[in-house]
């Protein structure tokens, strides 16, 4: 277990969430 690794995973999830929202809003438009 690595706290730094977990932190990176959480950051990746946040970035993925933002990219999904951007893609969704573009699709809606």
N, C-alpha and C. Protein backbone atom coordinates (compact mmCIF):
# COMPACT_ATOMS: atom_id res chain seq x y z
N UNK A 1 0.85 -1.21 0.00
CA UNK A 1 0.00 0.00 0.00
C UNK A 1 0.87 1.25 0.00
N UNK A 2 0.55 2.21 -0.83
CA UNK A 2 1.34 3.44 -0.91
C UNK A 2 0.41 4.65 -0.91
N UNK A 3 0.46 5.48 0.13
CA UNK A 3 -0.39 6.68 0.20
C UNK A 3 -0.22 7.54 -1.04
N UNK A 4 1.02 7.67 -1.52
CA UNK A 4 1.26 8.50 -2.71
C UNK A 4 0.54 7.89 -3.91
N UNK A 5 0.59 6.56 -4.03
CA UNK A 5 -0.08 5.88 -5.14
C UNK A 5 -1.58 6.10 -5.08
N UNK A 6 -2.12 6.03 -3.86
CA UNK A 6 -3.56 6.23 -3.70
C UNK A 6 -3.92 7.66 -4.09
N UNK A 7 -3.07 8.61 -3.68
CA UNK A 7 -3.34 10.02 -3.97
C UNK A 7 -3.34 10.22 -5.49
N UNK A 8 -2.40 9.57 -6.19
CA UNK A 8 -2.34 9.70 -7.65
C UNK A 8 -3.61 9.13 -8.28
N UNK A 9 -4.09 8.01 -7.74
CA UNK A 9 -5.29 7.39 -8.27
C UNK A 9 -6.48 8.33 -8.10
N UNK A 10 -6.57 8.97 -6.95
CA UNK A 10 -7.69 9.90 -6.71
C UNK A 10 -7.61 11.07 -7.68
N UNK A 11 -6.39 11.56 -7.93
CA UNK A 11 -6.22 12.68 -8.86
C UNK A 11 -6.65 12.26 -10.26
N UNK A 12 -6.26 11.03 -10.66
CA UNK A 12 -6.64 10.54 -11.99
C UNK A 12 -8.16 10.47 -12.10
N UNK A 13 -8.83 10.03 -11.02
CA UNK A 13 -10.29 9.93 -11.04
C UNK A 13 -10.92 11.31 -11.20
N UNK A 14 -10.35 12.32 -10.53
CA UNK A 14 -10.88 13.68 -10.63
C UNK A 14 -10.71 14.21 -12.05
N UNK A 15 -9.52 14.00 -12.61
CA UNK A 15 -9.26 14.47 -13.97
C UNK A 15 -10.19 13.76 -14.95
N UNK A 16 -10.40 12.45 -14.73
CA UNK A 16 -11.28 11.67 -15.60
C UNK A 16 -12.71 12.20 -15.50
N UNK A 17 -13.12 12.56 -14.31
CA UNK A 17 -14.47 13.08 -14.09
C UNK A 17 -14.65 14.39 -14.84
N UNK A 18 -13.65 15.27 -14.77
CA UNK A 18 -13.73 16.56 -15.47
C UNK A 18 -13.79 16.34 -16.97
N UNK A 19 -12.97 15.42 -17.50
CA UNK A 19 -12.94 15.17 -18.93
C UNK A 19 -14.28 14.59 -19.38
N UNK A 20 -14.88 13.73 -18.53
CA UNK A 20 -16.19 13.15 -18.87
C UNK A 20 -17.25 14.24 -18.92
N UNK A 21 -17.21 15.16 -17.98
CA UNK A 21 -18.20 16.25 -17.96
C UNK A 21 -18.04 17.13 -19.18
N UNK A 22 -16.80 17.43 -19.54
CA UNK A 22 -16.55 18.27 -20.71
C UNK A 22 -17.07 17.57 -21.96
N UNK A 23 -16.79 16.27 -22.07
CA UNK A 23 -17.24 15.49 -23.23
C UNK A 23 -18.77 15.46 -23.27
N UNK A 24 -19.40 15.32 -22.10
CA UNK A 24 -20.86 15.25 -22.03
C UNK A 24 -21.47 16.58 -22.46
N UNK A 25 -20.93 17.69 -21.97
CA UNK A 25 -21.50 19.00 -22.32
C UNK A 25 -21.33 19.26 -23.81
N UNK A 26 -20.21 18.80 -24.38
CA UNK A 26 -20.00 18.99 -25.82
C UNK A 26 -21.02 18.16 -26.59
N UNK A 27 -21.27 16.94 -26.09
CA UNK A 27 -22.23 16.05 -26.77
C UNK A 27 -23.63 16.65 -26.70
N UNK A 28 -23.98 17.22 -25.54
CA UNK A 28 -25.31 17.81 -25.36
C UNK A 28 -25.49 18.98 -26.32
N UNK A 29 -24.44 19.79 -26.46
CA UNK A 29 -24.53 20.93 -27.37
C UNK A 29 -24.61 20.41 -28.80
